[in-house]
Amino acid sequence: MKEITVQELKKLMDSKADFQLIDVREPYEYDVCNLGGELIPMADVPNNTDRIATDKQVVMHCRSGRRSGDILLWLEKNHGFDNLYNLKGGILAWARDIDPSMPAE
Protein backbone atom coordinates (compact mmCIF):
# COMPACT_ATOMS: atom_id res chain seq x y z
CA MET A 1 0.00 0.00 0.00
CA LYS A 2 1.31 3.40 -0.97
CA GLU A 3 1.18 6.09 1.71
CA ILE A 4 1.55 9.83 1.81
CA THR A 5 2.42 11.93 4.86
CA VAL A 6 0.41 14.91 6.00
CA GLN A 7 3.36 17.13 5.04
CA GLU A 8 3.32 15.71 1.50
CA LEU A 9 -0.46 16.20 1.31
CA LYS A 10 -0.11 19.82 2.42
CA LYS A 11 2.45 20.39 -0.36
CA LEU A 12 0.01 18.91 -2.91
CA MET A 13 -2.75 21.19 -1.63
CA ASP A 14 -0.55 24.29 -1.52
CA SER A 15 0.70 23.68 -5.07
CA LYS A 16 -2.88 23.21 -6.33
CA ALA A 17 -1.90 19.80 -7.75
CA ASP A 18 -4.53 17.87 -9.65
CA PHE A 19 -5.45 15.05 -7.31
CA GLN A 20 -8.56 13.66 -5.65
CA LEU A 21 -8.95 13.66 -1.87
CA ILE A 22 -11.47 11.17 -0.48
CA ASP A 23 -12.62 11.08 3.14
CA VAL A 24 -14.00 7.65 4.08
CA ARG A 25 -15.24 8.64 7.54
CA GLU A 26 -18.88 8.94 8.51
CA PRO A 27 -20.85 12.16 7.83
CA TYR A 28 -20.95 13.09 11.53
CA GLU A 29 -17.13 12.88 11.66
CA TYR A 30 -16.83 14.97 8.49
CA ASP A 31 -19.10 17.61 10.05
CA VAL A 32 -16.74 17.97 13.04
CA CYS A 33 -13.65 18.54 10.90
CA ASN A 34 -12.53 17.80 7.37
CA LEU A 35 -9.80 18.56 4.86
CA GLY A 36 -12.20 19.55 2.10
CA GLY A 37 -12.13 16.17 0.41
CA GLU A 38 -15.01 14.31 -1.14
CA LEU A 39 -16.98 12.35 1.46
CA ILE A 40 -17.54 8.71 0.52
CA PRO A 41 -18.10 6.77 3.76
CA MET A 42 -16.24 3.46 3.85
CA ALA A 43 -19.44 1.40 3.66
CA ASP A 44 -20.51 3.32 0.55
CA VAL A 45 -17.24 2.94 -1.38
CA PRO A 46 -18.10 -0.44 -3.00
CA ASN A 47 -21.18 1.12 -4.64
CA ASN A 48 -19.34 4.31 -5.64
CA THR A 49 -16.14 3.11 -7.28
CA ASP A 50 -17.10 5.14 -10.35
CA ARG A 51 -16.57 8.31 -8.27
CA ILE A 52 -12.90 7.42 -7.70
CA ALA A 53 -10.51 8.78 -10.32
CA THR A 54 -8.34 6.37 -12.26
CA ASP A 55 -6.36 8.99 -14.18
CA LYS A 56 -4.73 10.93 -11.32
CA GLN A 57 -3.43 10.51 -7.80
CA VAL A 58 -6.11 9.71 -5.22
CA VAL A 59 -5.43 10.30 -1.53
CA MET A 60 -7.78 8.51 0.85
CA HIS A 61 -8.05 9.28 4.53
CA CYS A 62 -9.98 8.65 7.70
CA ARG A 63 -9.39 9.49 11.36
CA SER A 64 -6.22 7.43 11.90
CA GLY A 65 -5.48 5.80 8.54
CA ARG A 66 -6.86 2.36 9.35
CA ARG A 67 -10.25 2.48 7.60
CA SER A 68 -8.84 4.26 4.57
CA GLY A 69 -6.01 1.72 4.41
CA ASP A 70 -8.44 -1.18 4.57
CA ILE A 71 -10.69 0.18 1.82
CA LEU A 72 -7.66 1.16 -0.30
CA LEU A 73 -6.37 -2.41 -0.20
CA TRP A 74 -9.86 -3.68 -1.06
CA LEU A 75 -10.05 -1.33 -4.06
CA GLU A 76 -6.62 -2.41 -5.30
CA LYS A 77 -7.47 -6.11 -4.94
CA ASN A 78 -11.02 -6.04 -6.30
CA HIS A 79 -10.95 -3.18 -8.81
CA GLY A 80 -7.32 -2.95 -9.90
CA PHE A 81 -6.65 0.62 -8.76
CA ASP A 82 -2.95 1.52 -8.77
CA ASN A 83 -3.16 5.27 -8.11
CA LEU A 84 -4.33 5.23 -4.48
CA TYR A 85 -2.43 6.64 -1.51
CA ASN A 86 -3.37 6.31 2.14
CA LEU A 87 -2.86 9.37 4.36
CA LYS A 88 -0.50 8.10 7.03
CA GLY A 89 -1.95 8.85 10.47
CA GLY A 90 -5.16 10.28 9.00
CA ILE A 91 -6.82 13.41 10.25
CA LEU A 92 -5.26 12.90 13.69
CA ALA A 93 -1.80 13.38 12.14
CA TRP A 94 -3.05 16.43 10.22
CA ALA A 95 -4.35 18.01 13.44
CA ARG A 96 -1.14 17.16 15.30
CA ASP A 97 1.40 18.21 12.64
CA ILE A 98 -0.29 20.71 10.32
CA ASP A 99 -3.29 22.37 12.00
CA PRO A 100 -3.31 22.04 15.81
CA SER A 101 -6.50 24.13 15.97
CA MET A 102 -8.45 21.39 14.17
CA PRO A 103 -10.85 19.46 16.42
CA ALA A 104 -9.80 15.96 15.42
CA GLU A 105 -11.67 13.85 17.94
PDB file of N, CA and C in Angstrom:
ATOM      1  N   MET A   1       0.852  -1.182   0.000  1.00  0.00           N
ATOM      2  CA  MET A   1       0.000   0.000   0.000  1.00  0.00           C
ATOM      3  C   MET A   1       0.893   1.239   0.000  1.00  0.00           C
ATOM      4  N   LYS A   2       0.575   2.146  -0.903  1.00  0.00           N
ATOM      5  CA  LYS A   2       1.314   3.401  -0.968  1.00  0.00           C
ATOM      6  C   LYS A   2       0.739   4.372   0.070  1.00  0.00           C
ATOM      7  N   GLU A   3       1.614   5.110   0.710  1.00  0.00           N
ATOM      8  CA  GLU A   3       1.183   6.089   1.708  1.00  0.00           C
ATOM      9  C   GLU A   3       1.745   7.457   1.381  1.00  0.00           C
ATOM     10  N   ILE A   4       1.106   8.457   1.946  1.00  0.00           N
ATOM     11  CA  ILE A   4       1.546   9.831   1.813  1.00  0.00           C
ATOM     12  C   ILE A   4       1.468  10.449   3.209  1.00  0.00           C
ATOM     13  N   THR A   5       2.433  11.279   3.551  1.00  0.00           N
ATOM     14  CA  THR A   5       2.423  11.927   4.860  1.00  0.00           C
ATOM     15  C   THR A   5       1.560  13.188   4.808  1.00  0.00           C
ATOM     16  N   VAL A   6       1.204  13.678   5.974  1.00  0.00           N
ATOM     17  CA  VAL A   6       0.411  14.913   5.997  1.00  0.00           C
ATOM     18  C   VAL A   6       1.209  16.083   5.433  1.00  0.00           C
ATOM     19  N   GLN A   7       2.524  16.064   5.613  1.00  0.00           N
ATOM     20  CA  GLN A   7       3.365  17.129   5.044  1.00  0.00           C
ATOM     21  C   GLN A   7       3.328  17.079   3.514  1.00  0.00           C
ATOM     22  N   GLU A   8       3.382  15.865   2.962  1.00  0.00           N
ATOM     23  CA  GLU A   8       3.317  15.710   1.502  1.00  0.00           C
ATOM     24  C   GLU A   8       1.941  16.128   0.980  1.00  0.00           C
ATOM     25  N   LEU A   9       0.878  15.788   1.715  1.00  0.00           N
ATOM     26  CA  LEU A   9      -0.463  16.200   1.310  1.00  0.00           C
ATOM     27  C   LEU A   9      -0.583  17.716   1.323  1.00  0.00           C
ATOM     28  N   LYS A  10      -0.049  18.355   2.346  1.00  0.00           N
ATOM     29  CA  LYS A  10      -0.109  19.820   2.421  1.00  0.00           C
ATOM     30  C   LYS A  10       0.595  20.453   1.222  1.00  0.00           C
ATOM     31  N   LYS A  11       1.736  19.880   0.820  1.00  0.00           N
ATOM     32  CA  LYS A  11       2.451  20.389  -0.363  1.00  0.00           C
ATOM     33  C   LYS A  11       1.591  20.243  -1.618  1.00  0.00           C
ATOM     34  N   LEU A  12       0.907  19.097  -1.760  1.00  0.00           N
ATOM     35  CA  LEU A  12       0.008  18.911  -2.907  1.00  0.00           C
ATOM     36  C   LEU A  12      -1.084  19.975  -2.908  1.00  0.00           C
ATOM     37  N   MET A  13      -1.677  20.202  -1.737  1.00  0.00           N
ATOM     38  CA  MET A  13      -2.753  21.195  -1.634  1.00  0.00           C
ATOM     39  C   MET A  13      -2.236  22.601  -1.934  1.00  0.00           C
ATOM     40  N   ASP A  14      -1.106  22.941  -1.338  1.00  0.00           N
ATOM     41  CA  ASP A  14      -0.547  24.288  -1.522  1.00  0.00           C
ATOM     42  C   ASP A  14      -0.152  24.553  -2.967  1.00  0.00           C
ATOM     43  N   SER A  15       0.276  23.511  -3.674  1.00  0.00           N
ATOM     44  CA  SER A  15       0.704  23.681  -5.071  1.00  0.00           C
ATOM     45  C   SER A  15      -0.466  23.574  -6.045  1.00  0.00           C
ATOM     46  N   LYS A  16      -1.681  23.350  -5.507  1.00  0.00           N
ATOM     47  CA  LYS A  16      -2.884  23.209  -6.334  1.00  0.00           C
ATOM     48  C   LYS A  16      -2.749  22.055  -7.333  1.00  0.00           C
ATOM     49  N   ALA A  17      -2.068  20.994  -6.898  1.00  0.00           N
ATOM     50  CA  ALA A  17      -1.897  19.802  -7.746  1.00  0.00           C
ATOM     51  C   ALA A  17      -3.258  19.208  -8.087  1.00  0.00           C
ATOM     52  N   ASP A  18      -3.297  18.520  -9.212  1.00  0.00           N
ATOM     53  CA  ASP A  18      -4.529  17.872  -9.653  1.00  0.00           C
ATOM     54  C   ASP A  18      -4.574  16.465  -9.059  1.00  0.00           C
ATOM     55  N   PHE A  19      -5.281  16.334  -7.956  1.00  0.00           N
ATOM     56  CA  PHE A  19      -5.449  15.047  -7.308  1.00  0.00           C
ATOM     57  C   PHE A  19      -6.829  15.010  -6.670  1.00  0.00           C
ATOM     58  N   GLN A  20      -7.260  13.813  -6.299  1.00  0.00           N
ATOM     59  CA  GLN A  20      -8.558  13.658  -5.651  1.00  0.00           C
ATOM     60  C   GLN A  20      -8.321  13.275  -4.197  1.00  0.00           C
ATOM     61  N   LEU A  21      -9.028  13.950  -3.289  1.00  0.00           N
ATOM     62  CA  LEU A  21      -8.950  13.657  -1.867  1.00  0.00           C
ATOM     63  C   LEU A  21     -10.282  13.072  -1.435  1.00  0.00           C
ATOM     64  N   ILE A  22     -10.248  11.857  -0.889  1.00  0.00           N
ATOM     65  CA  ILE A  22     -11.470  11.170  -0.480  1.00  0.00           C
ATOM     66  C   ILE A  22     -11.416  10.880   1.018  1.00  0.00           C
ATOM     67  N   ASP A  23     -12.456  11.300   1.708  1.00  0.00           N
ATOM     68  CA  ASP A  23     -12.617  11.084   3.139  1.00  0.00           C
ATOM     69  C   ASP A  23     -13.587   9.926   3.313  1.00  0.00           C
ATOM     70  N   VAL A  24     -13.142   8.833   3.941  1.00  0.00           N
ATOM     71  CA  VAL A  24     -13.997   7.655   4.076  1.00  0.00           C
ATOM     72  C   VAL A  24     -14.652   7.552   5.461  1.00  0.00           C
ATOM     73  N   ARG A  25     -14.590   8.637   6.222  1.00  0.00           N
ATOM     74  CA  ARG A  25     -15.238   8.642   7.537  1.00  0.00           C
ATOM     75  C   ARG A  25     -16.750   8.803   7.383  1.00  0.00           C
ATOM     76  N   GLU A  26     -17.435   8.776   8.497  1.00  0.00           N
ATOM     77  CA  GLU A  26     -18.883   8.944   8.512  1.00  0.00           C
ATOM     78  C   GLU A  26     -19.246  10.427   8.432  1.00  0.00           C
ATOM     79  N   PRO A  27     -20.451  10.755   7.956  1.00  0.00           N
ATOM     80  CA  PRO A  27     -20.853  12.163   7.831  1.00  0.00           C
ATOM     81  C   PRO A  27     -20.733  12.960   9.137  1.00  0.00           C
ATOM     82  N   TYR A  28     -21.065  12.349  10.276  1.00  0.00           N
ATOM     83  CA  TYR A  28     -20.955  13.087  11.534  1.00  0.00           C
ATOM     84  C   TYR A  28     -19.502  13.439  11.852  1.00  0.00           C
ATOM     85  N   GLU A  29     -18.551  12.588  11.450  1.00  0.00           N
ATOM     86  CA  GLU A  29     -17.133  12.884  11.657  1.00  0.00           C
ATOM     87  C   GLU A  29     -16.691  14.014  10.728  1.00  0.00           C
ATOM     88  N   TYR A  30     -17.154  13.953   9.492  1.00  0.00           N
ATOM     89  CA  TYR A  30     -16.832  14.968   8.486  1.00  0.00           C
ATOM     90  C   TYR A  30     -17.339  16.332   8.940  1.00  0.00           C
ATOM     91  N   ASP A  31     -18.522  16.344   9.578  1.00  0.00           N
ATOM     92  CA  ASP A  31     -19.097  17.607  10.045  1.00  0.00           C
ATOM     93  C   ASP A  31     -18.267  18.248  11.151  1.00  0.00           C
ATOM     94  N   VAL A  32     -17.569  17.449  11.952  1.00  0.00           N
ATOM     95  CA  VAL A  32     -16.737  17.974  13.037  1.00  0.00           C
ATOM     96  C   VAL A  32     -15.487  18.646  12.477  1.00  0.00           C
ATOM     97  N   CYS A  33     -14.835  17.979  11.547  1.00  0.00           N
ATOM     98  CA  CYS A  33     -13.645  18.537  10.901  1.00  0.00           C
ATOM     99  C   CYS A  33     -13.394  17.776   9.605  1.00  0.00           C
ATOM    100  N   ASN A  34     -12.862  18.466   8.627  1.00  0.00           N
ATOM    101  CA  ASN A  34     -12.528  17.803   7.365  1.00  0.00           C
ATOM    102  C   ASN A  34     -11.450  18.578   6.640  1.00  0.00           C
ATOM    103  N   LEU A  35     -10.879  17.952   5.651  1.00  0.00           N
ATOM    104  CA  LEU A  35      -9.802  18.556   4.858  1.00  0.00           C
ATOM    105  C   LEU A  35     -10.307  19.052   3.508  1.00  0.00           C
ATOM    106  N   GLY A  36     -11.633  19.074   3.356  1.00  0.00           N
ATOM    107  CA  GLY A  36     -12.202  19.550   2.103  1.00  0.00           C
ATOM    108  C   GLY A  36     -12.286  18.494   1.023  1.00  0.00           C
ATOM    109  N   GLY A  37     -12.051  17.254   1.387  1.00  0.00           N
ATOM    110  CA  GLY A  37     -12.132  16.175   0.412  1.00  0.00           C
ATOM    111  C   GLY A  37     -13.563  15.753   0.151  1.00  0.00           C
ATOM    112  N   GLU A  38     -13.702  14.853  -0.779  1.00  0.00           N
ATOM    113  CA  GLU A  38     -15.015  14.311  -1.138  1.00  0.00           C
ATOM    114  C   GLU A  38     -15.378  13.227  -0.125  1.00  0.00           C
ATOM    115  N   LEU A  39     -16.544  13.328   0.463  1.00  0.00           N
ATOM    116  CA  LEU A  39     -16.978  12.355   1.456  1.00  0.00           C
ATOM    117  C   LEU A  39     -17.617  11.140   0.776  1.00  0.00           C
ATOM    118  N   ILE A  40     -16.972   9.989   0.943  1.00  0.00           N
ATOM    119  CA  ILE A  40     -17.545   8.709   0.518  1.00  0.00           C
ATOM    120  C   ILE A  40     -17.315   7.755   1.699  1.00  0.00           C
ATOM    121  N   PRO A  41     -18.286   7.648   2.602  1.00  0.00           N
ATOM    122  CA  PRO A  41     -18.099   6.774   3.759  1.00  0.00           C
ATOM    123  C   PRO A  41     -17.670   5.369   3.344  1.00  0.00           C
ATOM    124  N   MET A  42     -16.828   4.766   4.169  1.00  0.00           N
ATOM    125  CA  MET A  42     -16.243   3.462   3.851  1.00  0.00           C
ATOM    126  C   MET A  42     -17.280   2.449   3.365  1.00  0.00           C
ATOM    127  N   ALA A  43     -18.413   2.366   4.039  1.00  0.00           N
ATOM    128  CA  ALA A  43     -19.438   1.396   3.658  1.00  0.00           C
ATOM    129  C   ALA A  43     -20.050   1.698   2.294  1.00  0.00           C
ATOM    130  N   ASP A  44     -19.934   2.932   1.834  1.00  0.00           N
ATOM    131  CA  ASP A  44     -20.510   3.324   0.547  1.00  0.00           C
ATOM    132  C   ASP A  44     -19.526   3.186  -0.618  1.00  0.00           C
ATOM    133  N   VAL A  45     -18.247   3.000  -0.325  1.00  0.00           N
ATOM    134  CA  VAL A  45     -17.235   2.936  -1.379  1.00  0.00           C
ATOM    135  C   VAL A  45     -17.527   1.837  -2.407  1.00  0.00           C
ATOM    136  N   PRO A  46     -17.876   0.599  -1.989  1.00  0.00           N
ATOM    137  CA  PRO A  46     -18.102  -0.444  -2.999  1.00  0.00           C
ATOM    138  C   PRO A  46     -19.156  -0.087  -4.050  1.00  0.00           C
ATOM    139  N   ASN A  47     -20.143   0.720  -3.685  1.00  0.00           N
ATOM    140  CA  ASN A  47     -21.178   1.119  -4.642  1.00  0.00           C
ATOM    141  C   ASN A  47     -20.867   2.444  -5.330  1.00  0.00           C
ATOM    142  N   ASN A  48     -19.696   3.019  -5.059  1.00  0.00           N
ATOM    143  CA  ASN A  48     -19.340   4.311  -5.637  1.00  0.00           C
ATOM    144  C   ASN A  48     -17.943   4.314  -6.243  1.00  0.00           C
ATOM    145  N   THR A  49     -17.482   3.160  -6.707  1.00  0.00           N
ATOM    146  CA  THR A  49     -16.138   3.109  -7.282  1.00  0.00           C
ATOM    147  C   THR A  49     -16.018   3.993  -8.516  1.00  0.00           C
ATOM    148  N   ASP A  50     -17.136   4.273  -9.174  1.00  0.00           N
ATOM    149  CA  ASP A  50     -17.105   5.143 -10.352  1.00  0.00           C
ATOM    150  C   ASP A  50     -16.787   6.592  -9.985  1.00  0.00           C
ATOM    151  N   ARG A  51     -16.888   6.953  -8.716  1.00  0.00           N
ATOM    152  CA  ARG A  51     -16.566   8.307  -8.270  1.00  0.00           C
ATOM    153  C   ARG A  51     -15.077   8.478  -7.959  1.00  0.00           C
ATOM    154  N   ILE A  52     -14.323   7.387  -8.016  1.00  0.00           N
ATOM    155  CA  ILE A  52     -12.904   7.418  -7.696  1.00  0.00           C
ATOM    156  C   ILE A  52     -12.106   7.500  -8.993  1.00  0.00           C
ATOM    157  N   ALA A  53     -11.283   8.534  -9.095  1.00  0.00           N
ATOM    158  CA  ALA A  53     -10.510   8.775 -10.318  1.00  0.00           C
ATOM    159  C   ALA A  53      -9.528   7.635 -10.580  1.00  0.00           C
ATOM    160  N   THR A  54      -9.330   7.366 -11.856  1.00  0.00           N
ATOM    161  CA  THR A  54      -8.336   6.372 -12.256  1.00  0.00           C
ATOM    162  C   THR A  54      -7.185   7.024 -13.014  1.00  0.00           C
ATOM    163  N   ASP A  55      -7.336   8.305 -13.337  1.00  0.00           N
ATOM    164  CA  ASP A  55      -6.364   8.993 -14.183  1.00  0.00           C
ATOM    165  C   ASP A  55      -5.502  10.016 -13.446  1.00  0.00           C
ATOM    166  N   LYS A  56      -5.572  10.031 -12.106  1.00  0.00           N
ATOM    167  CA  LYS A  56      -4.732  10.927 -11.324  1.00  0.00           C
ATOM    168  C   LYS A  56      -4.555  10.355  -9.921  1.00  0.00           C
ATOM    169  N   GLN A  57      -3.688  10.959  -9.167  1.00  0.00           N
ATOM    170  CA  GLN A  57      -3.433  10.511  -7.804  1.00  0.00           C
ATOM    171  C   GLN A  57      -4.677  10.694  -6.945  1.00  0.00           C
ATOM    172  N   VAL A  58      -4.980   9.671  -6.148  1.00  0.00           N
ATOM    173  CA  VAL A  58      -6.108   9.712  -5.225  1.00  0.00           C
ATOM    174  C   VAL A  58      -5.562   9.476  -3.818  1.00  0.00           C
ATOM    175  N   VAL A  59      -5.835  10.428  -2.926  1.00  0.00           N
ATOM    176  CA  VAL A  59      -5.431  10.296  -1.529  1.00  0.00           C
ATOM    177  C   VAL A  59      -6.691  10.000  -0.722  1.00  0.00           C
ATOM    178  N   MET A  60      -6.645   8.899   0.021  1.00  0.00           N
ATOM    179  CA  MET A  60      -7.785   8.512   0.846  1.00  0.00           C
ATOM    180  C   MET A  60      -7.396   8.681   2.313  1.00  0.00           C
ATOM    181  N   HIS A  61      -8.359   9.128   3.116  1.00  0.00           N
ATOM    182  CA  HIS A  61      -8.047   9.281   4.532  1.00  0.00           C
ATOM    183  C   HIS A  61      -9.259   9.030   5.408  1.00  0.00           C
ATOM    184  N   CYS A  62      -8.961   8.799   6.676  1.00  0.00           N
ATOM    185  CA  CYS A  62      -9.984   8.654   7.704  1.00  0.00           C
ATOM    186  C   CYS A  62      -9.431   9.309   8.969  1.00  0.00           C
ATOM    187  N   ARG A  63      -9.856   8.870  10.114  1.00  0.00           N
ATOM    188  CA  ARG A  63      -9.393   9.487  11.357  1.00  0.00           C
ATOM    189  C   ARG A  63      -7.930   9.141  11.635  1.00  0.00           C
ATOM    190  N   SER A  64      -7.579   7.854  11.541  1.00  0.00           N
ATOM    191  CA  SER A  64      -6.221   7.426  11.902  1.00  0.00           C
ATOM    192  C   SER A  64      -5.442   6.779  10.762  1.00  0.00           C
ATOM    193  N   GLY A  65      -6.124   6.469   9.672  1.00  0.00           N
ATOM    194  CA  GLY A  65      -5.483   5.800   8.540  1.00  0.00           C
ATOM    195  C   GLY A  65      -5.847   4.339   8.417  1.00  0.00           C
ATOM    196  N   ARG A  66      -6.527   3.788   9.400  1.00  0.00           N
ATOM    197  CA  ARG A  66      -6.860   2.356   9.349  1.00  0.00           C
ATOM    198  C   ARG A  66      -7.991   2.057   8.367  1.00  0.00           C
ATOM    199  N   ARG A  67      -9.123   2.749   8.501  1.00  0.00           N
ATOM    200  CA  ARG A  67     -10.253   2.479   7.598  1.00  0.00           C
ATOM    201  C   ARG A  67      -9.881   2.776   6.154  1.00  0.00           C
ATOM    202  N   SER A  68      -9.215   3.907   5.943  1.00  0.00           N
ATOM    203  CA  SER A  68      -8.840   4.262   4.570  1.00  0.00           C
ATOM    204  C   SER A  68      -7.840   3.246   4.016  1.00  0.00           C
ATOM    205  N   GLY A  69      -6.942   2.751   4.857  1.00  0.00           N
ATOM    206  CA  GLY A  69      -6.006   1.719   4.414  1.00  0.00           C
ATOM    207  C   GLY A  69      -6.714   0.436   4.036  1.00  0.00           C
ATOM    208  N   ASP A  70      -7.687   0.048   4.855  1.00  0.00           N
ATOM    209  CA  ASP A  70      -8.442  -1.179   4.568  1.00  0.00           C
ATOM    210  C   ASP A  70      -9.200  -1.070   3.249  1.00  0.00           C
ATOM    211  N   ILE A  71      -9.882   0.048   3.039  1.00  0.00           N
ATOM    212  CA  ILE A  71     -10.686   0.183   1.816  1.00  0.00           C
ATOM    213  C   ILE A  71      -9.779   0.377   0.599  1.00  0.00           C
ATOM    214  N   LEU A  72      -8.622   1.007   0.793  1.00  0.00           N
ATOM    215  CA  LEU A  72      -7.659   1.162  -0.298  1.00  0.00           C
ATOM    216  C   LEU A  72      -7.175  -0.211  -0.766  1.00  0.00           C
ATOM    217  N   LEU A  73      -6.820  -1.068   0.172  1.00  0.00           N
ATOM    218  CA  LEU A  73      -6.373  -2.411  -0.202  1.00  0.00           C
ATOM    219  C   LEU A  73      -7.489  -3.179  -0.896  1.00  0.00           C
ATOM    220  N   TRP A  74      -8.719  -3.029  -0.430  1.00  0.00           N
ATOM    221  CA  TRP A  74      -9.861  -3.684  -1.062  1.00  0.00           C
ATOM    222  C   TRP A  74     -10.035  -3.202  -2.500  1.00  0.00           C
ATOM    223  N   LEU A  75      -9.913  -1.892  -2.704  1.00  0.00           N
ATOM    224  CA  LEU A  75     -10.049  -1.332  -4.058  1.00  0.00           C
ATOM    225  C   LEU A  75      -8.946  -1.839  -4.982  1.00  0.00           C
ATOM    226  N   GLU A  76      -7.723  -1.902  -4.471  1.00  0.00           N
ATOM    227  CA  GLU A  76      -6.624  -2.414  -5.299  1.00  0.00           C
ATOM    228  C   GLU A  76      -6.866  -3.876  -5.676  1.00  0.00           C
ATOM    229  N   LYS A  77      -7.271  -4.680  -4.713  1.00  0.00           N
ATOM    230  CA  LYS A  77      -7.472  -6.112  -4.941  1.00  0.00           C
ATOM    231  C   LYS A  77      -8.673  -6.399  -5.835  1.00  0.00           C
ATOM    232  N   ASN A  78      -9.783  -5.713  -5.606  1.00  0.00           N
ATOM    233  CA  ASN A  78     -11.023  -6.041  -6.299  1.00  0.00           C
ATOM    234  C   ASN A  78     -11.315  -5.202  -7.536  1.00  0.00           C
ATOM    235  N   HIS A  79     -10.662  -4.058  -7.667  1.00  0.00           N
ATOM    236  CA  HIS A  79     -10.951  -3.182  -8.810  1.00  0.00           C
ATOM    237  C   HIS A  79      -9.705  -2.742  -9.564  1.00  0.00           C
ATOM    238  N   GLY A  80      -8.538  -3.202  -9.148  1.00  0.00           N
ATOM    239  CA  GLY A  80      -7.316  -2.950  -9.898  1.00  0.00           C
ATOM    240  C   GLY A  80      -6.774  -1.530  -9.837  1.00  0.00           C
ATOM    241  N   PHE A  81      -7.197  -0.732  -8.879  1.00  0.00           N
ATOM    242  CA  PHE A  81      -6.654   0.621  -8.759  1.00  0.00           C
ATOM    243  C   PHE A  81      -5.161   0.550  -8.449  1.00  0.00           C
ATOM    244  N   ASP A  82      -4.380   1.457  -9.067  1.00  0.00           N
ATOM    245  CA  ASP A  82      -2.950   1.519  -8.767  1.00  0.00           C
ATOM    246  C   ASP A  82      -2.492   2.957  -8.513  1.00  0.00           C
ATOM    247  N   ASN A  83      -3.456   3.846  -8.286  1.00  0.00           N
ATOM    248  CA  ASN A  83      -3.156   5.269  -8.114  1.00  0.00           C
ATOM    249  C   ASN A  83      -3.618   5.777  -6.750  1.00  0.00           C
ATOM    250  N   LEU A  84      -3.791   4.864  -5.791  1.00  0.00           N
ATOM    251  CA  LEU A  84      -4.328   5.234  -4.483  1.00  0.00           C
ATOM    252  C   LEU A  84      -3.224   5.363  -3.447  1.00  0.00           C
ATOM    253  N   TYR A  85      -3.371   6.381  -2.597  1.00  0.00           N
ATOM    254  CA  TYR A  85      -2.429   6.637  -1.511  1.00  0.00           C
ATOM    255  C   TYR A  85      -3.207   6.821  -0.222  1.00  0.00           C
ATOM    256  N   ASN A  86      -2.746   6.166   0.835  1.00  0.00           N
ATOM    257  CA  ASN A  86      -3.372   6.307   2.141  1.00  0.00           C
ATOM    258  C   ASN A  86      -2.671   7.429   2.905  1.00  0.00           C
ATOM    259  N   LEU A  87      -3.449   8.294   3.551  1.00  0.00           N
ATOM    260  CA  LEU A  87      -2.865   9.366   4.357  1.00  0.00           C
ATOM    261  C   LEU A  87      -2.396   8.766   5.676  1.00  0.00           C
ATOM    262  N   LYS A  88      -1.103   8.702   5.844  1.00  0.00           N
ATOM    263  CA  LYS A  88      -0.504   8.099   7.031  1.00  0.00           C
ATOM    264  C   LYS A  88      -0.901   8.885   8.280  1.00  0.00           C
ATOM    265  N   GLY A  89      -1.539   8.206   9.220  1.00  0.00           N
ATOM    266  CA  GLY A  89      -1.954   8.852  10.466  1.00  0.00           C
ATOM    267  C   GLY A  89      -3.285   9.565  10.387  1.00  0.00           C
ATOM    268  N   GLY A  90      -3.842   9.677   9.191  1.00  0.00           N
ATOM    269  CA  GLY A  90      -5.158  10.279   9.001  1.00  0.00           C
ATOM    270  C   GLY A  90      -5.292  11.698   9.518  1.00  0.00           C
ATOM    271  N   ILE A  91      -6.526  12.050   9.828  1.00  0.00           N
ATOM    272  CA  ILE A  91      -6.824  13.413  10.253  1.00  0.00           C
ATOM    273  C   ILE A  91      -6.202  13.724  11.618  1.00  0.00           C
ATOM    274  N   LEU A  92      -5.935  12.686  12.410  1.00  0.00           N
ATOM    275  CA  LEU A  92      -5.255  12.900  13.691  1.00  0.00           C
ATOM    276  C   LEU A  92      -3.843  13.438  13.451  1.00  0.00           C
ATOM    277  N   ALA A  93      -3.141  12.899  12.467  1.00  0.00           N
ATOM    278  CA  ALA A  93      -1.797  13.381  12.139  1.00  0.00           C
ATOM    279  C   ALA A  93      -1.860  14.798  11.577  1.00  0.00           C
ATOM    280  N   TRP A  94      -2.886  15.082  10.772  1.00  0.00           N
ATOM    281  CA  TRP A  94      -3.047  16.433  10.225  1.00  0.00           C
ATOM    282  C   TRP A  94      -3.220  17.442  11.365  1.00  0.00           C
ATOM    283  N   ALA A  95      -4.093  17.105  12.311  1.00  0.00           N
ATOM    284  CA  ALA A  95      -4.346  18.007  13.443  1.00  0.00           C
ATOM    285  C   ALA A  95      -3.090  18.164  14.302  1.00  0.00           C
ATOM    286  N   ARG A  96      -2.340  17.108  14.470  1.00  0.00           N
ATOM    287  CA  ARG A  96      -1.135  17.157  15.297  1.00  0.00           C
ATOM    288  C   ARG A  96      -0.009  17.942  14.615  1.00  0.00           C
ATOM    289  N   ASP A  97       0.215  17.680  13.317  1.00  0.00           N
ATOM    290  CA  ASP A  97       1.402  18.212  12.644  1.00  0.00           C
ATOM    291  C   ASP A  97       1.174  19.429  11.767  1.00  0.00           C
ATOM    292  N   ILE A  98      -0.043  19.639  11.275  1.00  0.00           N
ATOM    293  CA  ILE A  98      -0.294  20.714  10.320  1.00  0.00           C
ATOM    294  C   ILE A  98      -1.194  21.788  10.920  1.00  0.00           C
ATOM    295  N   ASP A  99      -2.301  21.410  11.500  1.00  0.00           N
ATOM    296  CA  ASP A  99      -3.287  22.367  12.003  1.00  0.00           C
ATOM    297  C   ASP A  99      -3.747  21.995  13.420  1.00  0.00           C
ATOM    298  N   PRO A 100      -2.966  22.393  14.433  1.00  0.00           N
ATOM    299  CA  PRO A 100      -3.314  22.043  15.807  1.00  0.00           C
ATOM    300  C   PRO A 100      -4.653  22.616  16.280  1.00  0.00           C
ATOM    301  N   SER A 101      -5.203  23.575  15.577  1.00  0.00           N
ATOM    302  CA  SER A 101      -6.497  24.134  15.975  1.00  0.00           C
ATOM    303  C   SER A 101      -7.676  23.259  15.520  1.00  0.00           C
ATOM    304  N   MET A 102      -7.391  22.253  14.697  1.00  0.00           N
ATOM    305  CA  MET A 102      -8.451  21.394  14.175  1.00  0.00           C
ATOM    306  C   MET A 102      -8.969  20.455  15.263  1.00  0.00           C
ATOM    307  N   PRO A 103     -10.286  20.399  15.457  1.00  0.00           N
ATOM    308  CA  PRO A 103     -10.854  19.457  16.421  1.00  0.00           C
ATOM    309  C   PRO A 103     -10.925  18.054  15.834  1.00  0.00           C
ATOM    310  N   ALA A 104      -9.922  17.248  16.105  1.00  0.00           N
ATOM    311  CA  ALA A 104      -9.800  15.957  15.424  1.00  0.00           C
ATOM    312  C   ALA A 104     -10.543  14.820  16.088  1.00  0.00           C
ATOM    313  N   GLU A 105     -11.017  14.985  17.262  1.00  0.00           N
ATOM    314  CA  GLU A 105     -11.667  13.850  17.944  1.00  0.00           C
ATOM    315  C   GLU A 105     -13.077  13.674  17.485  1.00  0.00           C
TER     316      GLU A 105
END
